[in-house]
Amino acid sequence: MHHTFLFEEGLWRAEGFYVDGTNTVLRAEGTIRITHEEAVWINQGSLRLLLPTPVEFQNRYEIVPFEEGRDYTTWHSLNPVIGTLLGKIVLVDDSFISQYESQGGHYTGSEYLLQVSESMYRNRGFAFKDDRRISSWAVELTRVE
């Protein structure tokens, strides 16, 4: 099986749950669009928490394309609340593993994507502010285009 997430342009649907900093479990859904530009791959996504008044998070990651023969790369993102995030992604067999830190180091996190099939990945992750967990999540990503 070859990796289709990140390495191919496409639209992915996310469904699962999100756990906030108070351990409240919330249903979540969203989308991720992967596009390739000449010098950068864009991961543009949104995750909606299914509350009576839904809350939506939006992210745009700019990923340096994997160089030939390398199993790792870097990315960055500008979050309006947290600031600039700097991350690394490593490809390990059937999984992508990513970790990040904000400039200043107050925010850190990690996530992984496990490939189930060419059209499905399992995504798990967490985020911390200093020594406090502020979120974690478990979602399934299904390719829709």
Foldseek 3Di string as FASTA:
>chain_A
DDACPQVHWAKKKKWWWKAFLVRDIFTKIKMWTWDDDDFWIWTWMKMWTDDPPIDMAIWIKTWGDADPPAQKTKIWTQGPVQGIKIKMWGDDPQKIKMKIAHVVRQKIKIKMWGDPDNFKIWIWMWMGGRPGTGMIIIIMIGTDD
